[in-house]
Structures are given as C-alpha cells and as structure tokens.
Amino acid sequence: TARLVFGRAEPWEVLQGALRDTELRQRLLIPVRQAMGEHREA
C-alpha cells in the first residue's frame, strides 16, 4: 500500500500491532505515539 501510494516505505515493526496480546499491543504504541508527538517537520 505504502509503495503504491507514496512510492516508498520504511518497515517499522511496531506498526504491525499485536491483536491477541494486550500488554504487547500497548507497549508497541509507545514509540509510535512518541514519533507522532515529536514530528514537527513541514
């Protein structure tokens, strides 16, 4: 999807989530939320 829409993609393991493991699922969201919160580029 990423390559067809934007022409490129960097795999990032935390974005695959963890449906069946609630604790892991919440832990994986931490770096994603951090990246979103720190993003200030144009």
PDB file of all heavy atoms in Angstrom:
ATOM      1  N   THR A   1       0.843  -1.202   0.000  1.00  0.00           N
ATOM      2  CA  THR A   1       0.000   0.000   0.000  1.00  0.00           C
ATOM      3  C   THR A   1       0.873   1.244   0.000  1.00  0.00           C
ATOM      4  O   THR A   1       0.677   2.155  -0.818  1.00  0.00           O
ATOM      5  CB  THR A   1      -0.948   0.015   1.218  1.00  0.00           C
ATOM      6  OG1 THR A   1      -1.837  -1.106   1.139  1.00  0.00           O
ATOM      7  CG2 THR A   1      -1.747   1.298   1.285  1.00  0.00           C
ATOM      8  N   ALA A   2       1.831   1.301   0.903  1.00  0.00           N
ATOM      9  CA  ALA A   2       2.714   2.472   1.007  1.00  0.00           C
ATOM     10  C   ALA A   2       3.455   2.725  -0.297  1.00  0.00           C
ATOM     11  O   ALA A   2       3.547   3.868  -0.759  1.00  0.00           O
ATOM     12  CB  ALA A   2       3.697   2.279   2.153  1.00  0.00           C
ATOM     13  N   ARG A   3       3.972   1.681  -0.887  1.00  0.00           N
ATOM     14  CA  ARG A   3       4.749   1.839  -2.135  1.00  0.00           C
ATOM     15  C   ARG A   3       3.859   2.273  -3.295  1.00  0.00           C
ATOM     16  O   ARG A   3       4.279   3.080  -4.124  1.00  0.00           O
ATOM     17  CB  ARG A   3       5.478   0.547  -2.451  1.00  0.00           C
ATOM     18  CG  ARG A   3       6.608   0.282  -1.460  1.00  0.00           C
ATOM     19  CD  ARG A   3       7.267  -1.066  -1.687  1.00  0.00           C
ATOM     20  NE  ARG A   3       8.304  -1.286  -0.683  1.00  0.00           N
ATOM     21  CZ  ARG A   3       8.494  -2.431  -0.053  1.00  0.00           C
ATOM     22  NH1 ARG A   3       7.735  -3.490  -0.328  1.00  0.00           N
ATOM     23  NH2 ARG A   3       9.453  -2.549   0.841  1.00  0.00           N
ATOM     24  N   LEU A   4       2.629   1.755  -3.355  1.00  0.00           N
ATOM     25  CA  LEU A   4       1.725   2.155  -4.428  1.00  0.00           C
ATOM     26  C   LEU A   4       1.225   3.586  -4.248  1.00  0.00           C
ATOM     27  O   LEU A   4       1.025   4.300  -5.224  1.00  0.00           O
ATOM     28  CB  LEU A   4       0.544   1.192  -4.515  1.00  0.00           C
ATOM     29  CG  LEU A   4       0.876  -0.190  -5.091  1.00  0.00           C
ATOM     30  CD1 LEU A   4      -0.247  -1.179  -4.811  1.00  0.00           C
ATOM     31  CD2 LEU A   4       1.149  -0.080  -6.585  1.00  0.00           C
ATOM     32  N   VAL A   5       1.028   4.012  -3.008  1.00  0.00           N
ATOM     33  CA  VAL A   5       0.528   5.367  -2.751  1.00  0.00           C
ATOM     34  C   VAL A   5       1.657   6.392  -2.825  1.00  0.00           C
ATOM     35  O   VAL A   5       1.537   7.412  -3.504  1.00  0.00           O
ATOM     36  CB  VAL A   5      -0.168   5.451  -1.373  1.00  0.00           C
ATOM     37  CG1 VAL A   5      -0.594   6.893  -1.067  1.00  0.00           C
ATOM     38  CG2 VAL A   5      -1.376   4.537  -1.305  1.00  0.00           C
ATOM     39  N   PHE A   6       2.767   6.113  -2.141  1.00  0.00           N
ATOM     40  CA  PHE A   6       3.820   7.118  -1.965  1.00  0.00           C
ATOM     41  C   PHE A   6       5.137   6.794  -2.671  1.00  0.00           C
ATOM     42  O   PHE A   6       6.055   7.599  -2.653  1.00  0.00           O
ATOM     43  CB  PHE A   6       4.094   7.322  -0.467  1.00  0.00           C
ATOM     44  CG  PHE A   6       2.863   7.704   0.297  1.00  0.00           C
ATOM     45  CD1 PHE A   6       2.250   6.805   1.164  1.00  0.00           C
ATOM     46  CD2 PHE A   6       2.287   8.955   0.141  1.00  0.00           C
ATOM     47  CE1 PHE A   6       1.103   7.145   1.862  1.00  0.00           C
ATOM     48  CE2 PHE A   6       1.132   9.306   0.831  1.00  0.00           C
ATOM     49  CZ  PHE A   6       0.543   8.395   1.691  1.00  0.00           C
ATOM     50  N   GLY A   7       5.235   5.598  -3.237  1.00  0.00           N
ATOM     51  CA  GLY A   7       6.443   5.232  -3.965  1.00  0.00           C
ATOM     52  C   GLY A   7       7.577   4.703  -3.099  1.00  0.00           C
ATOM     53  O   GLY A   7       8.636   4.370  -3.610  1.00  0.00           O
ATOM     54  N   ARG A   8       7.352   4.616  -1.797  1.00  0.00           N
ATOM     55  CA  ARG A   8       8.405   4.160  -0.894  1.00  0.00           C
ATOM     56  C   ARG A   8       7.807   3.774   0.452  1.00  0.00           C
ATOM     57  O   ARG A   8       6.690   4.170   0.769  1.00  0.00           O
ATOM     58  CB  ARG A   8       9.473   5.226  -0.705  1.00  0.00           C
ATOM     59  CG  ARG A   8       8.950   6.475  -0.003  1.00  0.00           C
ATOM     60  CD  ARG A   8       9.989   7.604  -0.038  1.00  0.00           C
ATOM     61  NE  ARG A   8       9.637   8.726   0.788  1.00  0.00           N
ATOM     62  CZ  ARG A   8       8.717   9.628   0.531  1.00  0.00           C
ATOM     63  NH1 ARG A   8       8.004   9.543  -0.573  1.00  0.00           N
ATOM     64  NH2 ARG A   8       8.496  10.623   1.347  1.00  0.00           N
ATOM     65  N   ALA A   9       8.591   3.033   1.226  1.00  0.00           N
ATOM     66  CA  ALA A   9       8.163   2.639   2.570  1.00  0.00           C
ATOM     67  C   ALA A   9       9.362   2.161   3.370  1.00  0.00           C
ATOM     68  O   ALA A   9      10.241   1.497   2.836  1.00  0.00           O
ATOM     69  CB  ALA A   9       7.130   1.526   2.498  1.00  0.00           C
ATOM     70  N   GLU A  10       9.391   2.533   4.641  1.00  0.00           N
ATOM     71  CA  GLU A  10      10.376   2.009   5.588  1.00  0.00           C
ATOM     72  C   GLU A  10       9.635   1.086   6.541  1.00  0.00           C
ATOM     73  O   GLU A  10       8.737   1.540   7.251  1.00  0.00           O
ATOM     74  CB  GLU A  10      10.987   3.142   6.422  1.00  0.00           C
ATOM     75  CG  GLU A  10      11.804   4.144   5.680  1.00  0.00           C
ATOM     76  CD  GLU A  10      12.248   5.258   6.620  1.00  0.00           C
ATOM     77  OE1 GLU A  10      12.844   4.957   7.693  1.00  0.00           O
ATOM     78  OE2 GLU A  10      11.979   6.429   6.297  1.00  0.00           O
ATOM     79  N   PRO A  11       9.967  -0.209   6.559  1.00  0.00           N
ATOM     80  CA  PRO A  11       9.294  -1.100   7.506  1.00  0.00           C
ATOM     81  C   PRO A  11       9.606  -0.703   8.948  1.00  0.00           C
ATOM     82  O   PRO A  11      10.750  -0.384   9.275  1.00  0.00           O
ATOM     83  CB  PRO A  11       9.883  -2.479   7.198  1.00  0.00           C
ATOM     84  CG  PRO A  11      10.693  -2.336   5.968  1.00  0.00           C
ATOM     85  CD  PRO A  11      10.963  -0.887   5.760  1.00  0.00           C
ATOM     86  N   TRP A  12       8.595  -0.690   9.776  1.00  0.00           N
ATOM     87  CA  TRP A  12       8.754  -0.390  11.200  1.00  0.00           C
ATOM     88  C   TRP A  12       7.904  -1.398  11.963  1.00  0.00           C
ATOM     89  O   TRP A  12       6.675  -1.337  11.939  1.00  0.00           O
ATOM     90  CB  TRP A  12       8.325   1.043  11.497  1.00  0.00           C
ATOM     91  CG  TRP A  12       8.740   1.550  12.838  1.00  0.00           C
ATOM     92  CD1 TRP A  12       9.751   1.074  13.645  1.00  0.00           C
ATOM     93  CD2 TRP A  12       8.170   2.659  13.544  1.00  0.00           C
ATOM     94  NE1 TRP A  12       9.843   1.820  14.795  1.00  0.00           N
ATOM     95  CE2 TRP A  12       8.888   2.802  14.765  1.00  0.00           C
ATOM     96  CE3 TRP A  12       7.137   3.533  13.274  1.00  0.00           C
ATOM     97  CZ2 TRP A  12       8.585   3.779  15.702  1.00  0.00           C
ATOM     98  CZ3 TRP A  12       6.842   4.520  14.199  1.00  0.00           C
ATOM     99  CH2 TRP A  12       7.565   4.647  15.399  1.00  0.00           C
ATOM    100  N   GLU A  13       8.567  -2.307  12.597  1.00  0.00           N
ATOM    101  CA  GLU A  13       7.926  -3.455  13.241  1.00  0.00           C
ATOM    102  C   GLU A  13       6.780  -3.071  14.178  1.00  0.00           C
ATOM    103  O   GLU A  13       5.767  -3.754  14.241  1.00  0.00           O
ATOM    104  CB  GLU A  13       8.976  -4.273  13.995  1.00  0.00           C
ATOM    105  CG  GLU A  13       8.413  -5.548  14.512  1.00  0.00           C
ATOM    106  CD  GLU A  13       9.219  -6.761  14.113  1.00  0.00           C
ATOM    107  OE1 GLU A  13      10.003  -6.686  13.169  1.00  0.00           O
ATOM    108  OE2 GLU A  13       9.022  -7.775  14.765  1.00  0.00           O
ATOM    109  N   VAL A  14       6.909  -1.985  14.910  1.00  0.00           N
ATOM    110  CA  VAL A  14       5.887  -1.637  15.900  1.00  0.00           C
ATOM    111  C   VAL A  14       4.536  -1.327  15.269  1.00  0.00           C
ATOM    112  O   VAL A  14       3.505  -1.412  15.940  1.00  0.00           O
ATOM    113  CB  VAL A  14       6.339  -0.465  16.816  1.00  0.00           C
ATOM    114  CG1 VAL A  14       7.564  -0.859  17.619  1.00  0.00           C
ATOM    115  CG2 VAL A  14       6.585   0.799  16.013  1.00  0.00           C
ATOM    116  N   LEU A  15       4.515  -1.005  13.977  1.00  0.00           N
ATOM    117  CA  LEU A  15       3.254  -0.683  13.310  1.00  0.00           C
ATOM    118  C   LEU A  15       2.418  -1.910  12.965  1.00  0.00           C
ATOM    119  O   LEU A  15       1.284  -1.781  12.511  1.00  0.00           O
ATOM    120  CB  LEU A  15       3.503   0.146  12.051  1.00  0.00           C
ATOM    121  CG  LEU A  15       3.898   1.600  12.311  1.00  0.00           C
ATOM    122  CD1 LEU A  15       4.276   2.288  11.011  1.00  0.00           C
ATOM    123  CD2 LEU A  15       2.790   2.346  13.034  1.00  0.00           C
ATOM    124  N   GLN A  16       2.948  -3.114  13.199  1.00  0.00           N
ATOM    125  CA  GLN A  16       2.126  -4.297  12.916  1.00  0.00           C
ATOM    126  C   GLN A  16       1.177  -4.614  14.058  1.00  0.00           C
ATOM    127  O   GLN A  16       0.247  -5.386  13.905  1.00  0.00           O
ATOM    128  CB  GLN A  16       2.985  -5.493  12.547  1.00  0.00           C
ATOM    129  CG  GLN A  16       3.775  -6.108  13.649  1.00  0.00           C
ATOM    130  CD  GLN A  16       4.536  -7.325  13.160  1.00  0.00           C
ATOM    131  OE1 GLN A  16       4.015  -8.128  12.397  1.00  0.00           O
ATOM    132  NE2 GLN A  16       5.763  -7.447  13.598  1.00  0.00           N
ATOM    133  N   GLY A  17       1.373  -3.996  15.220  1.00  0.00           N
ATOM    134  CA  GLY A  17       0.460  -4.209  16.326  1.00  0.00           C
ATOM    135  C   GLY A  17       0.542  -5.615  16.887  1.00  0.00           C
ATOM    136  O   GLY A  17       1.413  -6.401  16.514  1.00  0.00           O
ATOM    137  N   ALA A  18      -0.367  -5.925  17.794  1.00  0.00           N
ATOM    138  CA  ALA A  18      -0.438  -7.249  18.427  1.00  0.00           C
ATOM    139  C   ALA A  18      -1.863  -7.464  18.906  1.00  0.00           C
ATOM    140  O   ALA A  18      -2.213  -7.127  20.030  1.00  0.00           O
ATOM    141  CB  ALA A  18       0.541  -7.332  19.590  1.00  0.00           C
ATOM    142  N   LEU A  19      -2.688  -8.011  18.045  1.00  0.00           N
ATOM    143  CA  LEU A  19      -4.109  -8.171  18.358  1.00  0.00           C
ATOM    144  C   LEU A  19      -4.380  -9.027  19.591  1.00  0.00           C
ATOM    145  O   LEU A  19      -5.253  -8.717  20.384  1.00  0.00           O
ATOM    146  CB  LEU A  19      -4.835  -8.805  17.168  1.00  0.00           C
ATOM    147  CG  LEU A  19      -5.298  -7.854  16.089  1.00  0.00           C
ATOM    148  CD1 LEU A  19      -5.947  -8.620  14.957  1.00  0.00           C
ATOM    149  CD2 LEU A  19      -6.261  -6.822  16.643  1.00  0.00           C
ATOM    150  N   ARG A  20      -3.657 -10.093  19.737  1.00  0.00           N
ATOM    151  CA  ARG A  20      -4.000 -11.072  20.770  1.00  0.00           C
ATOM    152  C   ARG A  20      -3.213 -10.908  22.066  1.00  0.00           C
ATOM    153  O   ARG A  20      -3.323 -11.731  22.959  1.00  0.00           O
ATOM    154  CB  ARG A  20      -3.812 -12.473  20.203  1.00  0.00           C
ATOM    155  CG  ARG A  20      -4.800 -12.752  19.085  1.00  0.00           C
ATOM    156  CD  ARG A  20      -4.575 -14.112  18.448  1.00  0.00           C
ATOM    157  NE  ARG A  20      -5.503 -14.326  17.365  1.00  0.00           N
ATOM    158  CZ  ARG A  20      -5.279 -13.971  16.102  1.00  0.00           C
ATOM    159  NH1 ARG A  20      -4.166 -13.364  15.771  1.00  0.00           N
ATOM    160  NH2 ARG A  20      -6.175 -14.209  15.171  1.00  0.00           N
ATOM    161  N   ASP A  21      -2.405  -9.883  22.167  1.00  0.00           N
ATOM    162  CA  ASP A  21      -1.583  -9.669  23.365  1.00  0.00           C
ATOM    163  C   ASP A  21      -1.733  -8.201  23.790  1.00  0.00           C
ATOM    164  O   ASP A  21      -1.041  -7.327  23.284  1.00  0.00           O
ATOM    165  CB  ASP A  21      -0.120 -10.011  23.067  1.00  0.00           C
ATOM    166  CG  ASP A  21       0.790  -9.930  24.276  1.00  0.00           C
ATOM    167  OD1 ASP A  21       0.470  -9.189  25.227  1.00  0.00           O
ATOM    168  OD2 ASP A  21       1.840 -10.594  24.254  1.00  0.00           O
ATOM    169  N   THR A  22      -2.649  -7.950  24.705  1.00  0.00           N
ATOM    170  CA  THR A  22      -2.984  -6.581  25.101  1.00  0.00           C
ATOM    171  C   THR A  22      -1.784  -5.825  25.645  1.00  0.00           C
ATOM    172  O   THR A  22      -1.582  -4.653  25.312  1.00  0.00           O
ATOM    173  CB  THR A  22      -4.118  -6.591  26.158  1.00  0.00           C
ATOM    174  OG1 THR A  22      -5.215  -7.324  25.619  1.00  0.00           O
ATOM    175  CG2 THR A  22      -4.563  -5.189  26.497  1.00  0.00           C
ATOM    176  N   GLU A  23      -0.977  -6.467  26.473  1.00  0.00           N
ATOM    177  CA  GLU A  23       0.192  -5.790  27.049  1.00  0.00           C
ATOM    178  C   GLU A  23       1.194  -5.409  25.962  1.00  0.00           C
ATOM    179  O   GLU A  23       1.675  -4.275  25.924  1.00  0.00           O
ATOM    180  CB  GLU A  23       0.856  -6.708  28.083  1.00  0.00           C
ATOM    181  CG  GLU A  23       2.009  -6.030  28.818  1.00  0.00           C
ATOM    182  CD  GLU A  23       2.648  -6.963  29.832  1.00  0.00           C
ATOM    183  OE1 GLU A  23       1.902  -7.649  30.557  1.00  0.00           O
ATOM    184  OE2 GLU A  23       3.891  -6.990  29.894  1.00  0.00           O
ATOM    185  N   LEU A  24       1.499  -6.334  25.063  1.00  0.00           N
ATOM    186  CA  LEU A  24       2.419  -6.042  23.956  1.00  0.00           C
ATOM    187  C   LEU A  24       1.830  -4.954  23.052  1.00  0.00           C
ATOM    188  O   LEU A  24       2.543  -4.048  22.615  1.00  0.00           O
ATOM    189  CB  LEU A  24       2.706  -7.310  23.150  1.00  0.00           C
ATOM    190  CG  LEU A  24       3.571  -7.127  21.899  1.00  0.00           C
ATOM    191  CD1 LEU A  24       4.935  -6.534  22.253  1.00  0.00           C
ATOM    192  CD2 LEU A  24       3.724  -8.464  21.176  1.00  0.00           C
ATOM    193  N   ARG A  25       0.555  -5.043  22.791  1.00  0.00           N
ATOM    194  CA  ARG A  25      -0.129  -4.058  21.941  1.00  0.00           C
ATOM    195  C   ARG A  25       0.075  -2.651  22.485  1.00  0.00           C
ATOM    196  O   ARG A  25       0.405  -1.722  21.739  1.00  0.00           O
ATOM    197  CB  ARG A  25      -1.611  -4.410  21.879  1.00  0.00           C
ATOM    198  CG  ARG A  25      -2.434  -3.559  20.969  1.00  0.00           C
ATOM    199  CD  ARG A  25      -3.830  -4.133  20.881  1.00  0.00           C
ATOM    200  NE  ARG A  25      -4.723  -3.274  20.147  1.00  0.00           N
ATOM    201  CZ  ARG A  25      -5.910  -3.646  19.725  1.00  0.00           C
ATOM    202  NH1 ARG A  25      -6.334  -4.870  19.926  1.00  0.00           N
ATOM    203  NH2 ARG A  25      -6.678  -2.788  19.073  1.00  0.00           N
ATOM    204  N   GLN A  26      -0.093  -2.468  23.779  1.00  0.00           N
ATOM    205  CA  GLN A  26       0.089  -1.152  24.403  1.00  0.00           C
ATOM    206  C   GLN A  26       1.551  -0.711  24.371  1.00  0.00           C
ATOM    207  O   GLN A  26       1.846   0.455  24.149  1.00  0.00           O
ATOM    208  CB  GLN A  26      -0.452  -1.161  25.836  1.00  0.00           C
ATOM    209  CG  GLN A  26      -1.972  -1.323  25.909  1.00  0.00           C
ATOM    210  CD  GLN A  26      -2.707  -0.310  25.042  1.00  0.00           C
ATOM    211  OE1 GLN A  26      -2.471   0.886  25.110  1.00  0.00           O
ATOM    212  NE2 GLN A  26      -3.607  -0.797  24.195  1.00  0.00           N
ATOM    213  N   ARG A  27       2.465  -1.649  24.588  1.00  0.00           N
ATOM    214  CA  ARG A  27       3.901  -1.322  24.542  1.00  0.00           C
ATOM    215  C   ARG A  27       4.331  -0.877  23.150  1.00  0.00           C
ATOM    216  O   ARG A  27       5.138   0.034  23.009  1.00  0.00           O
ATOM    217  CB  ARG A  27       4.738  -2.541  24.972  1.00  0.00           C
ATOM    218  CG  ARG A  27       5.163  -2.515  26.396  1.00  0.00           C
ATOM    219  CD  ARG A  27       6.274  -3.503  26.759  1.00  0.00           C
ATOM    220  NE  ARG A  27       6.439  -4.668  25.925  1.00  0.00           N
ATOM    221  CZ  ARG A  27       5.914  -5.875  26.158  1.00  0.00           C
ATOM    222  NH1 ARG A  27       5.166  -6.078  27.234  1.00  0.00           N
ATOM    223  NH2 ARG A  27       6.131  -6.879  25.338  1.00  0.00           N
ATOM    224  N   LEU A  28       3.793  -1.526  22.120  1.00  0.00           N
ATOM    225  CA  LEU A  28       4.155  -1.175  20.746  1.00  0.00           C
ATOM    226  C   LEU A  28       3.672   0.225  20.367  1.00  0.00           C
ATOM    227  O   LEU A  28       4.261   0.873  19.501  1.00  0.00           O
ATOM    228  CB  LEU A  28       3.582  -2.203  19.765  1.00  0.00           C
ATOM    229  CG  LEU A  28       4.193  -3.599  19.820  1.00  0.00           C
ATOM    230  CD1 LEU A  28       3.434  -4.550  18.908  1.00  0.00           C
ATOM    231  CD2 LEU A  28       5.674  -3.568  19.467  1.00  0.00           C
ATOM    232  N   LEU A  29       2.617   0.680  21.002  1.00  0.00           N
ATOM    233  CA  LEU A  29       2.086   2.015  20.686  1.00  0.00           C
ATOM    234  C   LEU A  29       2.961   3.139  21.236  1.00  0.00           C
ATOM    235  O   LEU A  29       2.923   4.263  20.718  1.00  0.00           O
ATOM    236  CB  LEU A  29       0.666   2.163  21.238  1.00  0.00           C
ATOM    237  CG  LEU A  29      -0.398   1.312  20.569  1.00  0.00           C
ATOM    238  CD1 LEU A  29      -1.700   1.403  21.334  1.00  0.00           C
ATOM    239  CD2 LEU A  29      -0.584   1.719  19.112  1.00  0.00           C
ATOM    240  N   ILE A  30       3.752   2.858  22.251  1.00  0.00           N
ATOM    241  CA  ILE A  30       4.564   3.904  22.884  1.00  0.00           C
ATOM    242  C   ILE A  30       5.508   4.574  21.892  1.00  0.00           C
ATOM    243  O   ILE A  30       5.490   5.809  21.762  1.00  0.00           O
ATOM    244  CB  ILE A  30       5.307   3.350  24.128  1.00  0.00           C
ATOM    245  CG1 ILE A  30       4.287   2.975  25.211  1.00  0.00           C
ATOM    246  CG2 ILE A  30       6.327   4.363  24.657  1.00  0.00           C
ATOM    247  CD1 ILE A  30       4.869   2.172  26.361  1.00  0.00           C
ATOM    248  N   PRO A  31       6.350   3.830  21.142  1.00  0.00           N
ATOM    249  CA  PRO A  31       7.241   4.522  20.196  1.00  0.00           C
ATOM    250  C   PRO A  31       6.492   5.194  19.051  1.00  0.00           C
ATOM    251  O   PRO A  31       6.952   6.218  18.519  1.00  0.00           O
ATOM    252  CB  PRO A  31       8.173   3.421  19.697  1.00  0.00           C
ATOM    253  CG  PRO A  31       7.499   2.138  20.006  1.00  0.00           C
ATOM    254  CD  PRO A  31       6.608   2.388  21.182  1.00  0.00           C
ATOM    255  N   VAL A  32       5.335   4.655  18.689  1.00  0.00           N
ATOM    256  CA  VAL A  32       4.548   5.276  17.612  1.00  0.00           C
ATOM    257  C   VAL A  32       4.011   6.620  18.083  1.00  0.00           C
ATOM    258  O   VAL A  32       4.143   7.635  17.386  1.00  0.00           O
ATOM    259  CB  VAL A  32       3.405   4.349  17.149  1.00  0.00           C
ATOM    260  CG1 VAL A  32       2.596   5.021  16.048  1.00  0.00           C
ATOM    261  CG2 VAL A  32       3.941   3.000  16.688  1.00  0.00           C
ATOM    262  N   ARG A  33       3.437   6.637  19.269  1.00  0.00           N
ATOM    263  CA  ARG A  33       2.932   7.915  19.813  1.00  0.00           C
ATOM    264  C   ARG A  33       4.068   8.914  20.015  1.00  0.00           C
ATOM    265  O   ARG A  33       3.895  10.114  19.810  1.00  0.00           O
ATOM    266  CB  ARG A  33       2.181   7.659  21.120  1.00  0.00           C
ATOM    267  CG  ARG A  33       0.831   7.007  20.898  1.00  0.00           C
ATOM    268  CD  ARG A  33       0.029   6.924  22.191  1.00  0.00           C
ATOM    269  NE  ARG A  33      -1.291   6.409  21.927  1.00  0.00           N
ATOM    270  CZ  ARG A  33      -1.801   5.308  22.476  1.00  0.00           C
ATOM    271  NH1 ARG A  33      -1.105   4.609  23.349  1.00  0.00           N
ATOM    272  NH2 ARG A  33      -3.020   4.920  22.168  1.00  0.00           N
ATOM    273  N   GLN A  34       5.211   8.416  20.422  1.00  0.00           N
ATOM    274  CA  GLN A  34       6.367   9.294  20.604  1.00  0.00           C
ATOM    275  C   GLN A  34       6.786   9.909  19.270  1.00  0.00           C
ATOM    276  O   GLN A  34       7.025  11.109  19.177  1.00  0.00           O
ATOM    277  CB  GLN A  34       7.528   8.521  21.220  1.00  0.00           C
ATOM    278  CG  GLN A  34       8.732   9.384  21.505  1.00  0.00           C
ATOM    279  CD  GLN A  34       9.848   8.590  22.191  1.00  0.00           C
ATOM    280  OE1 GLN A  34       9.686   7.433  22.572  1.00  0.00           O
ATOM    281  NE2 GLN A  34      10.991   9.231  22.352  1.00  0.00           N
ATOM    282  N   ALA A  35       6.857   9.096  18.219  1.00  0.00           N
ATOM    283  CA  ALA A  35       7.217   9.608  16.896  1.00  0.00           C
ATOM    284  C   ALA A  35       6.202  10.637  16.407  1.00  0.00           C
ATOM    285  O   ALA A  35       6.576  11.673  15.840  1.00  0.00           O
ATOM    286  CB  ALA A  35       7.315   8.456  15.895  1.00  0.00           C
ATOM    287  N   MET A  36       4.920  10.370  16.648  1.00  0.00           N
ATOM    288  CA  MET A  36       3.878  11.320  16.249  1.00  0.00           C
ATOM    289  C   MET A  36       4.024  12.633  17.025  1.00  0.00           C
ATOM    290  O   MET A  36       3.922  13.715  16.449  1.00  0.00           O
ATOM    291  CB  MET A  36       2.495  10.714  16.490  1.00  0.00           C
ATOM    292  CG  MET A  36       2.166   9.562  15.572  1.00  0.00           C
ATOM    293  SD  MET A  36       0.677   8.631  16.045  1.00  0.00           S
ATOM    294  CE  MET A  36      -0.576   9.884  16.066  1.00  0.00           C
ATOM    295  N   GLY A  37       4.258  12.536  18.317  1.00  0.00           N
ATOM    296  CA  GLY A  37       4.374  13.724  19.159  1.00  0.00           C
ATOM    297  C   GLY A  37       5.603  14.557  18.858  1.00  0.00           C
ATOM    298  O   GLY A  37       5.593  15.777  19.004  1.00  0.00           O
ATOM    299  N   GLU A  38       6.677  13.910  18.433  1.00  0.00           N
ATOM    300  CA  GLU A  38       7.929  14.618  18.137  1.00  0.00           C
ATOM    301  C   GLU A  38       7.976  15.171  16.718  1.00  0.00           C
ATOM    302  O   GLU A  38       8.839  15.984  16.402  1.00  0.00           O
ATOM    303  CB  GLU A  38       9.120  13.682  18.355  1.00  0.00           C
ATOM    304  CG  GLU A  38       9.330  13.320  19.807  1.00  0.00           C
ATOM    305  CD  GLU A  38      10.416  12.268  20.003  1.00  0.00           C
ATOM    306  OE1 GLU A  38      10.941  11.711  19.002  1.00  0.00           O
ATOM    307  OE2 GLU A  38      10.745  11.999  21.174  1.00  0.00           O
ATOM    308  N   HIS A  39       7.068  14.733  15.859  1.00  0.00           N
ATOM    309  CA  HIS A  39       7.108  15.149  14.456  1.00  0.00           C
ATOM    310  C   HIS A  39       6.717  16.627  14.321  1.00  0.00           C
ATOM    311  O   HIS A  39       5.607  17.016  14.673  1.00  0.00           O
ATOM    312  CB  HIS A  39       6.168  14.284  13.618  1.00  0.00           C
ATOM    313  CG  HIS A  39       6.171  14.671  12.181  1.00  0.00           C
ATOM    314  ND1 HIS A  39       7.253  14.476  11.360  1.00  0.00           N
ATOM    315  CD2 HIS A  39       5.225  15.278  11.429  1.00  0.00           C
ATOM    316  CE1 HIS A  39       6.977  14.933  10.158  1.00  0.00           C
ATOM    317  NE2 HIS A  39       5.741  15.431  10.174  1.00  0.00           N
ATOM    318  N   ARG A  40       7.641  17.405  13.820  1.00  0.00           N
ATOM    319  CA  ARG A  40       7.391  18.839  13.631  1.00  0.00           C
ATOM    320  C   ARG A  40       7.796  19.320  12.240  1.00  0.00           C
ATOM    321  O   ARG A  40       7.768  20.504  11.959  1.00  0.00           O
ATOM    322  CB  ARG A  40       8.141  19.638  14.699  1.00  0.00           C
ATOM    323  CG  ARG A  40       7.511  19.474  16.074  1.00  0.00           C
ATOM    324  CD  ARG A  40       8.287  20.201  17.145  1.00  0.00           C
ATOM    325  NE  ARG A  40       7.611  20.261  18.414  1.00  0.00           N
ATOM    326  CZ  ARG A  40       7.248  19.235  19.172  1.00  0.00           C
ATOM    327  NH1 ARG A  40       7.455  18.014  18.759  1.00  0.00           N
ATOM    328  NH2 ARG A  40       6.651  19.404  20.325  1.00  0.00           N
ATOM    329  N   GLU A  41       8.211  18.413  11.402  1.00  0.00           N
ATOM    330  CA  GLU A  41       8.683  18.783  10.072  1.00  0.00           C
ATOM    331  C   GLU A  41       7.546  19.332   9.221  1.00  0.00           C
ATOM    332  O   GLU A  41       6.375  19.097   9.491  1.00  0.00           O
ATOM    333  CB  GLU A  41       9.315  17.567   9.399  1.00  0.00           C
ATOM    334  CG  GLU A  41      10.567  17.092  10.118  1.00  0.00           C
ATOM    335  CD  GLU A  41      11.119  15.815   9.537  1.00  0.00           C
ATOM    336  OE1 GLU A  41      10.877  15.537   8.343  1.00  0.00           O
ATOM    337  OE2 GLU A  41      11.787  15.092  10.287  1.00  0.00           O
ATOM    338  N   ALA A  42       7.931  20.045   8.166  1.00  0.00           N
ATOM    339  CA  ALA A  42       6.947  20.651   7.278  1.00  0.00           C
ATOM    340  C   ALA A  42       6.139  19.606   6.523  1.00  0.00           C
ATOM    341  O   ALA A  42       4.938  19.780   6.313  1.00  0.00           O
ATOM    342  CB  ALA A  42       7.638  21.585   6.297  1.00  0.00           C
TER     343      ALA A  42
END
